[in-house]
Amino acid sequence: MPMSSQDSSQGRTPGRPPGRPLSPHLQVYRPQYTSMISIFHRITGVGLWAGTLLLVYWLVAAAIGAEAYETARDLIGSFLGRLCLFGWTVALFYHLCNGIRHLVWDIGLGLELRASFYSGMAVLAGTVLLTLVTWIAGYTVMGSLQ
């Protein structure tokens, strides 16, 4: 604790109950639903960046030639590659739905705690729905092309 904010005679900050932290900390507070939604928005932003590198790799391989494209297609078509694509799809739709939620907040709607909770649930439901529809459509098209 900074010495200037302490009462040197008692070793504590004036007006603060003994044994209490000076500021909020993750060890003190339980994670809240709304805070976890916000943290996940940031994490998916990083995931989108990483997934975009995979997309760029695929496009560059296609531009280089058939052999490079085959290598990229084999990598992305592997179990690990499809798992990365699935994660990227989840991150994309989560970030999209939560971004729309933020745009609604920007016009001043849905800022109450109850509305925030329900809009967070809508973001999660939209993410699951859009991801499943995309992957089902993708596998349906792939099946009809082969």
N, C-alpha and C. Protein backbone atom coordinates (compact mmCIF):
# COMPACT_ATOMS: atom_id res chain seq x y z
N MET A 1 0.85 -1.19 0.00
CA MET A 1 0.00 0.00 0.00
C MET A 1 0.88 1.24 0.00
N PRO A 2 0.49 2.26 -0.71
CA PRO A 2 1.27 3.49 -0.70
C PRO A 2 1.26 4.10 0.69
N MET A 3 2.43 4.57 1.11
CA MET A 3 2.56 5.13 2.45
C MET A 3 1.75 6.40 2.63
N SER A 4 1.56 7.17 1.57
CA SER A 4 0.86 8.44 1.69
C SER A 4 -0.63 8.24 2.00
N SER A 5 -1.20 7.09 1.62
CA SER A 5 -2.62 6.88 1.86
C SER A 5 -2.88 6.07 3.13
N GLN A 6 -1.83 5.75 3.88
CA GLN A 6 -2.00 4.97 5.10
C GLN A 6 -1.97 5.86 6.33
N ASP A 7 -2.69 5.44 7.30
CA ASP A 7 -2.60 6.04 8.63
C ASP A 7 -1.44 5.33 9.31
N SER A 8 -0.31 6.00 9.47
CA SER A 8 0.90 5.34 9.96
C SER A 8 0.77 4.85 11.39
N SER A 9 -0.15 5.41 12.17
CA SER A 9 -0.27 4.97 13.55
C SER A 9 -0.98 3.63 13.65
N GLN A 10 -1.87 3.30 12.72
CA GLN A 10 -2.58 2.04 12.79
C GLN A 10 -2.23 1.09 11.65
N GLY A 11 -1.48 1.54 10.65
CA GLY A 11 -1.05 0.70 9.54
C GLY A 11 -2.17 0.38 8.56
N ARG A 12 -3.18 1.22 8.48
CA ARG A 12 -4.26 0.99 7.53
C ARG A 12 -4.72 2.30 6.92
N THR A 13 -5.48 2.21 5.82
CA THR A 13 -6.01 3.38 5.15
C THR A 13 -7.17 3.94 5.94
N PRO A 14 -7.20 5.24 6.19
CA PRO A 14 -8.31 5.81 6.95
C PRO A 14 -9.65 5.59 6.23
N GLY A 15 -10.70 5.21 6.97
CA GLY A 15 -12.02 5.02 6.40
C GLY A 15 -12.23 3.68 5.74
N ARG A 16 -11.23 2.81 5.74
CA ARG A 16 -11.34 1.50 5.10
C ARG A 16 -11.31 0.44 6.20
N PRO A 17 -12.29 -0.50 6.16
CA PRO A 17 -12.27 -1.56 7.16
C PRO A 17 -10.99 -2.38 7.07
N PRO A 18 -10.48 -2.86 8.17
CA PRO A 18 -9.24 -3.66 8.15
C PRO A 18 -9.43 -4.95 7.36
N GLY A 19 -8.39 -5.38 6.67
CA GLY A 19 -8.41 -6.62 5.92
C GLY A 19 -9.07 -6.54 4.56
N ARG A 20 -9.48 -5.36 4.12
CA ARG A 20 -10.12 -5.21 2.82
C ARG A 20 -9.08 -4.73 1.80
N PRO A 21 -9.18 -5.20 0.54
CA PRO A 21 -8.22 -4.75 -0.48
C PRO A 21 -8.46 -3.28 -0.85
N LEU A 22 -7.40 -2.64 -1.37
CA LEU A 22 -7.51 -1.25 -1.79
C LEU A 22 -8.31 -1.10 -3.08
N SER A 23 -8.25 -2.11 -3.95
CA SER A 23 -8.95 -2.01 -5.23
C SER A 23 -9.50 -3.39 -5.60
N PRO A 24 -10.50 -3.42 -6.51
CA PRO A 24 -11.05 -4.72 -6.92
C PRO A 24 -9.97 -5.58 -7.55
N HIS A 25 -10.07 -6.88 -7.36
CA HIS A 25 -9.10 -7.80 -7.89
C HIS A 25 -9.81 -9.10 -8.23
N LEU A 26 -9.28 -9.84 -9.20
CA LEU A 26 -9.91 -11.08 -9.63
C LEU A 26 -10.00 -12.12 -8.52
N GLN A 27 -9.10 -12.05 -7.53
CA GLN A 27 -9.15 -13.01 -6.44
C GLN A 27 -10.25 -12.67 -5.44
N VAL A 28 -10.75 -11.45 -5.49
CA VAL A 28 -11.75 -11.01 -4.52
C VAL A 28 -13.16 -11.18 -5.06
N TYR A 29 -13.36 -10.86 -6.33
CA TYR A 29 -14.70 -10.87 -6.91
C TYR A 29 -14.94 -12.11 -7.75
N ARG A 30 -16.18 -12.63 -7.68
CA ARG A 30 -16.60 -13.70 -8.55
C ARG A 30 -16.79 -13.15 -9.95
N PRO A 31 -16.41 -13.90 -10.98
CA PRO A 31 -16.67 -13.41 -12.34
C PRO A 31 -18.18 -13.29 -12.56
N GLN A 32 -18.59 -12.19 -13.15
CA GLN A 32 -20.00 -11.98 -13.46
C GLN A 32 -20.24 -12.34 -14.91
N TYR A 33 -21.48 -12.67 -15.20
CA TYR A 33 -21.86 -13.06 -16.55
C TYR A 33 -21.51 -11.97 -17.56
N THR A 34 -21.85 -10.73 -17.24
CA THR A 34 -21.59 -9.64 -18.19
C THR A 34 -20.09 -9.40 -18.38
N SER A 35 -19.32 -9.57 -17.32
CA SER A 35 -17.87 -9.38 -17.46
C SER A 35 -17.25 -10.50 -18.29
N MET A 36 -17.76 -11.72 -18.14
CA MET A 36 -17.23 -12.83 -18.92
C MET A 36 -17.57 -12.67 -20.41
N ILE A 37 -18.76 -12.14 -20.70
CA ILE A 37 -19.14 -11.87 -22.09
C ILE A 37 -18.16 -10.85 -22.69
N SER A 38 -17.83 -9.83 -21.92
CA SER A 38 -16.89 -8.80 -22.39
C SER A 38 -15.49 -9.37 -22.61
N ILE A 39 -15.04 -10.17 -21.67
CA ILE A 39 -13.70 -10.77 -21.79
C ILE A 39 -13.66 -11.71 -23.01
N PHE A 40 -14.72 -12.48 -23.21
CA PHE A 40 -14.77 -13.39 -24.35
C PHE A 40 -14.78 -12.63 -25.67
N HIS A 41 -15.37 -11.44 -25.67
CA HIS A 41 -15.35 -10.60 -26.88
C HIS A 41 -13.91 -10.25 -27.26
N ARG A 42 -13.13 -9.93 -26.27
CA ARG A 42 -11.71 -9.60 -26.52
C ARG A 42 -10.93 -10.83 -26.98
N ILE A 43 -11.20 -11.97 -26.34
CA ILE A 43 -10.52 -13.21 -26.72
C ILE A 43 -10.86 -13.60 -28.15
N THR A 44 -12.13 -13.45 -28.53
CA THR A 44 -12.51 -13.80 -29.90
C THR A 44 -11.89 -12.84 -30.91
N GLY A 45 -11.65 -11.61 -30.50
CA GLY A 45 -10.96 -10.67 -31.38
C GLY A 45 -9.55 -11.16 -31.70
N VAL A 46 -8.87 -11.67 -30.70
CA VAL A 46 -7.53 -12.24 -30.91
C VAL A 46 -7.63 -13.50 -31.77
N GLY A 47 -8.66 -14.32 -31.49
CA GLY A 47 -8.87 -15.54 -32.29
C GLY A 47 -9.13 -15.23 -33.75
N LEU A 48 -9.87 -14.17 -34.00
CA LEU A 48 -10.12 -13.76 -35.40
C LEU A 48 -8.83 -13.37 -36.09
N TRP A 49 -7.97 -12.71 -35.37
CA TRP A 49 -6.67 -12.31 -35.94
C TRP A 49 -5.87 -13.56 -36.31
N ALA A 50 -5.81 -14.52 -35.41
CA ALA A 50 -5.06 -15.75 -35.67
C ALA A 50 -5.69 -16.54 -36.82
N GLY A 51 -7.01 -16.63 -36.84
CA GLY A 51 -7.69 -17.35 -37.92
C GLY A 51 -7.53 -16.68 -39.26
N THR A 52 -7.43 -15.37 -39.25
CA THR A 52 -7.22 -14.64 -40.50
C THR A 52 -5.85 -14.95 -41.08
N LEU A 53 -4.88 -15.21 -40.24
CA LEU A 53 -3.56 -15.64 -40.74
C LEU A 53 -3.68 -16.96 -41.50
N LEU A 54 -4.51 -17.87 -40.99
CA LEU A 54 -4.73 -19.14 -41.70
C LEU A 54 -5.40 -18.90 -43.04
N LEU A 55 -6.36 -17.98 -43.08
CA LEU A 55 -7.03 -17.63 -44.34
C LEU A 55 -6.05 -17.02 -45.34
N VAL A 56 -5.18 -16.15 -44.86
CA VAL A 56 -4.17 -15.53 -45.73
C VAL A 56 -3.21 -16.59 -46.26
N TYR A 57 -2.83 -17.54 -45.40
CA TYR A 57 -1.96 -18.64 -45.84
C TYR A 57 -2.62 -19.40 -46.99
N TRP A 58 -3.91 -19.69 -46.84
CA TRP A 58 -4.64 -20.43 -47.87
C TRP A 58 -4.70 -19.64 -49.18
N LEU A 59 -4.97 -18.34 -49.09
CA LEU A 59 -5.04 -17.50 -50.30
C LEU A 59 -3.68 -17.37 -50.98
N VAL A 60 -2.63 -17.19 -50.19
CA VAL A 60 -1.28 -17.08 -50.77
C VAL A 60 -0.90 -18.40 -51.43
N ALA A 61 -1.22 -19.51 -50.78
CA ALA A 61 -0.92 -20.81 -51.37
C ALA A 61 -1.65 -20.99 -52.69
N ALA A 62 -2.89 -20.53 -52.76
CA ALA A 62 -3.65 -20.62 -54.01
C ALA A 62 -3.02 -19.76 -55.10
N ALA A 63 -2.46 -18.63 -54.72
CA ALA A 63 -1.83 -17.73 -55.70
C ALA A 63 -0.48 -18.26 -56.17
N ILE A 64 0.20 -19.01 -55.31
CA ILE A 64 1.54 -19.52 -55.67
C ILE A 64 1.45 -20.62 -56.71
N GLY A 65 0.51 -21.54 -56.52
CA GLY A 65 0.40 -22.62 -57.49
C GLY A 65 -0.30 -23.84 -56.92
N ALA A 66 -0.46 -24.84 -57.78
CA ALA A 66 -1.24 -26.03 -57.44
C ALA A 66 -0.62 -26.83 -56.30
N GLU A 67 0.70 -26.96 -56.30
CA GLU A 67 1.36 -27.76 -55.27
C GLU A 67 1.22 -27.11 -53.89
N ALA A 68 1.43 -25.81 -53.81
CA ALA A 68 1.28 -25.10 -52.54
C ALA A 68 -0.17 -25.13 -52.08
N TYR A 69 -1.09 -25.02 -53.03
CA TYR A 69 -2.51 -25.05 -52.68
C TYR A 69 -2.90 -26.42 -52.13
N GLU A 70 -2.40 -27.49 -52.74
CA GLU A 70 -2.68 -28.85 -52.26
C GLU A 70 -2.18 -29.04 -50.83
N THR A 71 -0.99 -28.51 -50.55
CA THR A 71 -0.44 -28.60 -49.19
C THR A 71 -1.33 -27.85 -48.21
N ALA A 72 -1.74 -26.65 -48.57
CA ALA A 72 -2.62 -25.86 -47.70
C ALA A 72 -3.96 -26.55 -47.52
N ARG A 73 -4.49 -27.09 -48.60
CA ARG A 73 -5.79 -27.78 -48.52
C ARG A 73 -5.71 -29.01 -47.63
N ASP A 74 -4.60 -29.74 -47.71
CA ASP A 74 -4.42 -30.91 -46.85
C ASP A 74 -4.31 -30.49 -45.38
N LEU A 75 -3.61 -29.41 -45.12
CA LEU A 75 -3.46 -28.92 -43.75
C LEU A 75 -4.80 -28.45 -43.19
N ILE A 76 -5.49 -27.62 -43.94
CA ILE A 76 -6.76 -27.07 -43.47
C ILE A 76 -7.84 -28.14 -43.43
N GLY A 77 -7.75 -29.14 -44.30
CA GLY A 77 -8.73 -30.22 -44.32
C GLY A 77 -8.49 -31.29 -43.28
N SER A 78 -7.35 -31.23 -42.59
CA SER A 78 -7.07 -32.21 -41.54
C SER A 78 -7.98 -31.95 -40.34
N PHE A 79 -7.97 -32.89 -39.39
CA PHE A 79 -8.80 -32.73 -38.19
C PHE A 79 -8.42 -31.45 -37.44
N LEU A 80 -7.13 -31.22 -37.26
CA LEU A 80 -6.67 -30.02 -36.56
C LEU A 80 -7.04 -28.75 -37.33
N GLY A 81 -6.91 -28.79 -38.65
CA GLY A 81 -7.27 -27.64 -39.47
C GLY A 81 -8.75 -27.32 -39.39
N ARG A 82 -9.58 -28.35 -39.43
CA ARG A 82 -11.03 -28.12 -39.32
C ARG A 82 -11.42 -27.67 -37.92
N LEU A 83 -10.72 -28.16 -36.93
CA LEU A 83 -10.97 -27.69 -35.57
C LEU A 83 -10.64 -26.20 -35.45
N CYS A 84 -9.54 -25.78 -36.06
CA CYS A 84 -9.19 -24.35 -36.08
C CYS A 84 -10.24 -23.54 -36.85
N LEU A 85 -10.70 -24.07 -37.97
CA LEU A 85 -11.75 -23.38 -38.74
C LEU A 85 -13.05 -23.28 -37.94
N PHE A 86 -13.38 -24.33 -37.20
CA PHE A 86 -14.58 -24.29 -36.38
C PHE A 86 -14.45 -23.21 -35.29
N GLY A 87 -13.29 -23.18 -34.64
CA GLY A 87 -13.05 -22.15 -33.63
C GLY A 87 -13.10 -20.75 -34.22
N TRP A 88 -12.56 -20.60 -35.43
CA TRP A 88 -12.58 -19.30 -36.10
C TRP A 88 -14.01 -18.91 -36.43
N THR A 89 -14.82 -19.87 -36.84
CA THR A 89 -16.22 -19.60 -37.15
C THR A 89 -16.98 -19.16 -35.89
N VAL A 90 -16.76 -19.85 -34.79
CA VAL A 90 -17.39 -19.46 -33.53
C VAL A 90 -16.97 -18.04 -33.16
N ALA A 91 -15.67 -17.77 -33.24
CA ALA A 91 -15.17 -16.43 -32.91
C ALA A 91 -15.76 -15.37 -33.82
N LEU A 92 -15.87 -15.68 -35.10
CA LEU A 92 -16.42 -14.73 -36.06
C LEU A 92 -17.87 -14.38 -35.73
N PHE A 93 -18.70 -15.38 -35.51
CA PHE A 93 -20.11 -15.12 -35.24
C PHE A 93 -20.33 -14.53 -33.86
N TYR A 94 -19.52 -14.94 -32.88
CA TYR A 94 -19.64 -14.33 -31.55
C TYR A 94 -19.30 -12.84 -31.63
N HIS A 95 -18.20 -12.54 -32.28
CA HIS A 95 -17.75 -11.15 -32.40
C HIS A 95 -18.77 -10.32 -33.19
N LEU A 96 -19.35 -10.92 -34.23
CA LEU A 96 -20.38 -10.24 -35.01
C LEU A 96 -21.62 -9.94 -34.15
N CYS A 97 -22.13 -10.95 -33.48
CA CYS A 97 -23.34 -10.77 -32.66
C CYS A 97 -23.09 -9.79 -31.51
N ASN A 98 -21.95 -9.91 -30.86
CA ASN A 98 -21.66 -9.00 -29.75
C ASN A 98 -21.38 -7.59 -30.27
N GLY A 99 -20.83 -7.47 -31.46
CA GLY A 99 -20.63 -6.15 -32.06
C GLY A 99 -21.96 -5.46 -32.36
N ILE A 100 -22.93 -6.24 -32.83
CA ILE A 100 -24.27 -5.69 -33.04
C ILE A 100 -24.88 -5.25 -31.71
N ARG A 101 -24.66 -6.04 -30.68
CA ARG A 101 -25.12 -5.68 -29.33
C ARG A 101 -24.52 -4.35 -28.89
N HIS A 102 -23.25 -4.17 -29.15
CA HIS A 102 -22.59 -2.91 -28.79
C HIS A 102 -23.14 -1.73 -29.61
N LEU A 103 -23.47 -1.97 -30.87
CA LEU A 103 -24.07 -0.90 -31.68
C LEU A 103 -25.44 -0.49 -31.12
N VAL A 104 -26.20 -1.46 -30.64
CA VAL A 104 -27.48 -1.15 -30.01
C VAL A 104 -27.25 -0.34 -28.74
N TRP A 105 -26.24 -0.72 -27.97
CA TRP A 105 -25.89 0.05 -26.77
C TRP A 105 -25.49 1.48 -27.14
N ASP A 106 -24.78 1.63 -28.25
CA ASP A 106 -24.33 2.97 -28.67
C ASP A 106 -25.48 3.92 -28.95
N ILE A 107 -26.63 3.39 -29.32
CA ILE A 107 -27.78 4.28 -29.53
C ILE A 107 -28.61 4.44 -28.26
N GLY A 108 -28.12 3.85 -27.15
CA GLY A 108 -28.74 4.05 -25.84
C GLY A 108 -29.80 3.03 -25.46
N LEU A 109 -29.88 1.94 -26.18
CA LEU A 109 -30.88 0.91 -25.86
C LEU A 109 -30.23 -0.28 -25.17
N GLY A 110 -30.98 -0.92 -24.28
CA GLY A 110 -30.52 -2.17 -23.66
C GLY A 110 -29.42 -2.02 -22.64
N LEU A 111 -29.32 -0.86 -22.01
CA LEU A 111 -28.23 -0.63 -21.06
C LEU A 111 -28.57 -1.07 -19.63
N GLU A 112 -29.83 -1.40 -19.37
CA GLU A 112 -30.20 -1.84 -18.04
C GLU A 112 -29.61 -3.23 -17.80
N LEU A 113 -29.41 -3.57 -16.53
CA LEU A 113 -28.77 -4.83 -16.18
C LEU A 113 -29.54 -6.04 -16.73
N ARG A 114 -30.84 -6.03 -16.57
CA ARG A 114 -31.66 -7.15 -17.05
C ARG A 114 -31.56 -7.28 -18.57
N ALA A 115 -31.67 -6.16 -19.29
CA ALA A 115 -31.57 -6.17 -20.75
C ALA A 115 -30.17 -6.62 -21.19
N SER A 116 -29.16 -6.21 -20.45
CA SER A 116 -27.80 -6.60 -20.76
C SER A 116 -27.62 -8.11 -20.61
N PHE A 117 -28.22 -8.67 -19.58
CA PHE A 117 -28.16 -10.12 -19.37
C PHE A 117 -28.83 -10.85 -20.53
N TYR A 118 -30.02 -10.42 -20.91
CA TYR A 118 -30.75 -11.10 -21.98
C TYR A 118 -30.09 -10.90 -23.35
N SER A 119 -29.52 -9.73 -23.56
CA SER A 119 -28.82 -9.54 -24.84
C SER A 119 -27.56 -10.40 -24.90
N GLY A 120 -26.93 -10.62 -23.76
CA GLY A 120 -25.79 -11.54 -23.71
C GLY A 120 -26.20 -12.97 -24.04
N MET A 121 -27.38 -13.36 -23.53
CA MET A 121 -27.90 -14.70 -23.85
C MET A 121 -28.22 -14.79 -25.35
N ALA A 122 -28.75 -13.70 -25.91
CA ALA A 122 -29.06 -13.67 -27.34
C ALA A 122 -27.79 -13.78 -28.18
N VAL A 123 -26.71 -13.15 -27.71
CA VAL A 123 -25.42 -13.25 -28.41
C VAL A 123 -24.96 -14.70 -28.43
N LEU A 124 -25.04 -15.37 -27.29
CA LEU A 124 -24.61 -16.78 -27.23
C LEU A 124 -25.50 -17.66 -28.11
N ALA A 125 -26.80 -17.45 -28.06
CA ALA A 125 -27.72 -18.24 -28.88
C ALA A 125 -27.47 -17.98 -30.37
N GLY A 126 -27.27 -16.72 -30.74
CA GLY A 126 -26.99 -16.37 -32.12
C GLY A 126 -25.69 -16.98 -32.61
N THR A 127 -24.70 -17.01 -31.74
CA THR A 127 -23.41 -17.60 -32.08
C THR A 127 -23.57 -19.09 -32.39
N VAL A 128 -24.25 -19.79 -31.51
CA VAL A 128 -24.45 -21.24 -31.71
C VAL A 128 -25.26 -21.49 -32.98
N LEU A 129 -26.35 -20.76 -33.15
CA LEU A 129 -27.22 -20.96 -34.31
C LEU A 129 -26.49 -20.68 -35.63
N LEU A 130 -25.82 -19.54 -35.71
CA LEU A 130 -25.12 -19.18 -36.94
C LEU A 130 -23.96 -20.13 -37.25
N THR A 131 -23.26 -20.56 -36.22
CA THR A 131 -22.15 -21.50 -36.42
C THR A 131 -22.66 -22.83 -36.94
N LEU A 132 -23.72 -23.34 -36.31
CA LEU A 132 -24.26 -24.63 -36.75
C LEU A 132 -24.82 -24.55 -38.17
N VAL A 133 -25.54 -23.49 -38.47
CA VAL A 133 -26.10 -23.34 -39.82
C VAL A 133 -24.98 -23.28 -40.86
N THR A 134 -23.93 -22.54 -40.55
CA THR A 134 -22.80 -22.41 -41.47
C THR A 134 -22.12 -23.76 -41.72
N TRP A 135 -21.86 -24.51 -40.66
CA TRP A 135 -21.17 -25.78 -40.81
C TRP A 135 -22.05 -26.84 -41.46
N ILE A 136 -23.33 -26.83 -41.14
CA ILE A 136 -24.25 -27.78 -41.80
C ILE A 136 -24.34 -27.45 -43.28
N ALA A 137 -24.45 -26.17 -43.60
CA ALA A 137 -24.50 -25.76 -45.02
C ALA A 137 -23.19 -26.11 -45.71
N GLY A 138 -22.08 -25.89 -45.04
CA GLY A 138 -20.78 -26.21 -45.64
C GLY A 138 -20.63 -27.68 -45.94
N TYR A 139 -21.01 -28.53 -45.00
CA TYR A 139 -20.90 -29.98 -45.23
C TYR A 139 -21.92 -30.46 -46.25
N THR A 140 -23.08 -29.81 -46.31
CA THR A 140 -24.08 -30.17 -47.33
C THR A 140 -23.55 -29.85 -48.72
N VAL A 141 -22.96 -28.68 -48.90
CA VAL A 141 -22.40 -28.29 -50.19
C VAL A 141 -21.20 -29.18 -50.54
N MET A 142 -20.35 -29.46 -49.56
CA MET A 142 -19.20 -30.33 -49.83
C MET A 142 -19.65 -31.71 -50.28
N GLY A 143 -20.70 -32.22 -49.67
CA GLY A 143 -21.21 -33.54 -50.03
C GLY A 143 -21.78 -33.56 -51.45
N SER A 144 -22.38 -32.45 -51.85
CA SER A 144 -22.97 -32.40 -53.18
C SER A 144 -21.92 -32.13 -54.26
N LEU A 145 -20.75 -31.64 -53.86
CA LEU A 145 -19.70 -31.36 -54.83
C LEU A 145 -18.82 -32.58 -55.08
N GLN A 146 -18.81 -33.52 -54.18
CA GLN A 146 -17.91 -34.67 -54.33
C GLN A 146 -18.59 -35.88 -54.85
